[in-house]
Amino acid sequence: MLSRPNRLTSREVEELFKGRAQTAHATNFSVRARREATAESPRATVVAGAKIFKSAVSRARVKRRLRHALGSIIPQCAPGVKIVVMAKEPALKMDFKELTKELTRILKVLVLIK
């Protein structure tokens, strides 16, 4: 779970989508991220659309799993990083260890973690 100081607000998510951000795609999710020159802790959020996940139960489940994976990865990120993870349908059926491994790989591709 992401602690409160590590969560993005809805306004920050909108700014991330409007402004320039790095994007990386995987089969299970997409990641948009931006590094800012601030000393605040890294922040992240998970988005699961109703068009992709029809039931609220599946949306909540995939968001909960991705947030938990992000919670273990976020301490490795550089300060000032803002991350939005957009879930895709295969993420729901993916094993948790594989999900964490894939998320770590994508964040390494974006050079957000070491």
Protein backbone atom coordinates (compact mmCIF):
# COMPACT_ATOMS: atom_id res chain seq x y z
CA MET A 1 0.00 0.00 0.00
CA LEU A 2 1.20 3.49 -0.74
CA SER A 3 1.49 5.76 2.26
CA ARG A 4 -0.21 9.15 2.04
CA PRO A 5 2.99 11.17 1.29
CA ASN A 6 3.64 8.83 -1.67
CA ARG A 7 0.19 9.20 -3.32
CA LEU A 8 -0.56 11.52 -6.20
CA THR A 9 -3.67 13.72 -6.09
CA SER A 10 -6.14 13.79 -8.99
CA ARG A 11 -4.92 17.26 -9.96
CA GLU A 12 -1.33 16.00 -10.19
CA VAL A 13 -2.46 13.08 -12.35
CA GLU A 14 -4.21 15.49 -14.74
CA GLU A 15 -1.08 17.64 -14.95
CA LEU A 16 0.98 14.55 -15.71
CA PHE A 17 -1.29 13.62 -18.62
CA LYS A 18 -1.42 17.16 -20.01
CA GLY A 19 2.28 17.91 -19.69
CA ARG A 20 5.34 16.18 -21.02
CA ALA A 21 6.06 12.82 -19.44
CA GLN A 22 7.97 9.68 -20.27
CA THR A 23 5.81 6.73 -21.28
CA ALA A 24 6.55 3.01 -21.31
CA HIS A 25 4.17 0.23 -22.30
CA ALA A 26 4.00 -3.40 -21.22
CA THR A 27 1.41 -6.07 -21.95
CA ASN A 28 -0.11 -5.69 -18.48
CA PHE A 29 0.07 -1.94 -17.87
CA SER A 30 1.43 1.37 -19.13
CA VAL A 31 3.47 3.81 -17.08
CA ARG A 32 3.69 7.59 -17.41
CA ALA A 33 6.31 9.33 -15.31
CA ARG A 34 7.97 12.68 -14.89
CA ARG A 35 10.97 13.68 -12.82
CA GLU A 36 10.80 17.11 -11.22
CA ALA A 37 13.61 19.05 -9.59
CA THR A 38 12.10 18.95 -6.12
CA ALA A 39 13.32 17.23 -2.99
CA GLU A 40 9.92 15.76 -2.10
CA SER A 41 9.42 12.03 -1.86
CA PRO A 42 8.50 10.05 -5.00
CA ARG A 43 4.75 9.86 -5.60
CA ALA A 44 2.61 7.41 -7.56
CA THR A 45 -0.93 6.30 -8.29
CA VAL A 46 -2.75 3.53 -10.17
CA VAL A 47 -5.53 4.04 -12.71
CA ALA A 48 -7.93 1.26 -13.82
CA GLY A 49 -10.54 2.35 -16.32
CA ALA A 50 -14.17 1.23 -16.32
CA LYS A 51 -13.97 0.57 -20.07
CA ILE A 52 -11.33 -2.08 -19.48
CA PHE A 53 -12.51 -3.53 -16.16
CA LYS A 54 -16.30 -3.72 -16.28
CA SER A 55 -16.90 -4.73 -12.66
CA ALA A 56 -15.92 -2.56 -9.72
CA VAL A 57 -14.55 -5.63 -7.95
CA SER A 58 -11.99 -6.31 -10.70
CA ARG A 59 -11.00 -2.61 -10.84
CA ALA A 60 -10.44 -2.54 -7.09
CA ARG A 61 -8.50 -5.81 -7.14
CA VAL A 62 -6.07 -4.76 -9.88
CA LYS A 63 -5.55 -1.33 -8.30
CA ARG A 64 -4.90 -2.89 -4.90
CA ARG A 65 -2.36 -5.35 -6.33
CA LEU A 66 -0.51 -2.67 -8.31
CA ARG A 67 -0.49 -0.27 -5.34
CA HIS A 68 1.01 -2.98 -3.17
CA ALA A 69 3.71 -3.66 -5.78
CA LEU A 70 4.41 0.08 -6.06
CA GLY A 71 4.69 0.34 -2.27
CA SER A 72 7.68 -2.00 -2.29
CA ILE A 73 9.33 -0.30 -5.28
CA ILE A 74 8.75 3.40 -4.47
CA PRO A 75 11.54 3.68 -1.84
CA GLN A 76 14.06 2.87 -4.60
CA CYS A 77 12.89 5.78 -6.79
CA ALA A 78 14.63 9.12 -7.01
CA PRO A 79 13.13 12.12 -5.18
CA GLY A 80 10.69 14.26 -7.16
CA VAL A 81 9.46 11.41 -9.38
CA LYS A 82 5.74 11.22 -10.21
CA ILE A 83 4.40 7.94 -11.59
CA VAL A 84 1.00 6.91 -12.97
CA VAL A 85 0.43 3.20 -13.67
CA MET A 86 -2.47 2.51 -16.04
CA ALA A 87 -3.69 -1.08 -15.69
CA LYS A 88 -4.59 -3.28 -18.64
CA GLU A 89 -6.78 -6.39 -18.55
CA PRO A 90 -4.00 -9.05 -18.37
CA ALA A 91 -2.72 -7.51 -15.10
CA LEU A 92 -5.73 -8.99 -13.31
CA LYS A 93 -4.69 -12.58 -14.00
CA MET A 94 -0.94 -12.08 -13.55
CA ASP A 95 0.96 -13.60 -10.62
CA PHE A 96 1.95 -10.99 -8.02
CA LYS A 97 5.69 -11.74 -8.22
CA GLU A 98 5.61 -11.41 -12.00
CA LEU A 99 3.64 -8.18 -11.68
CA THR A 100 6.24 -6.68 -9.32
CA LYS A 101 9.09 -7.87 -11.52
CA GLU A 102 7.51 -6.34 -14.65
CA LEU A 103 6.79 -3.04 -12.89
CA THR A 104 10.39 -2.87 -11.66
CA ARG A 105 11.66 -3.58 -15.18
CA ILE A 106 9.55 -0.81 -16.70
CA LEU A 107 10.68 1.71 -14.08
CA LYS A 108 14.31 0.75 -14.79
CA VAL A 109 13.69 1.33 -18.51
CA LEU A 110 12.44 4.83 -17.66
CA VAL A 111 15.59 5.29 -15.47
CA LEU A 112 13.51 6.10 -12.40
CA ILE A 113 15.11 3.47 -10.16
CA LYS A 114 18.60 2.04 -9.95
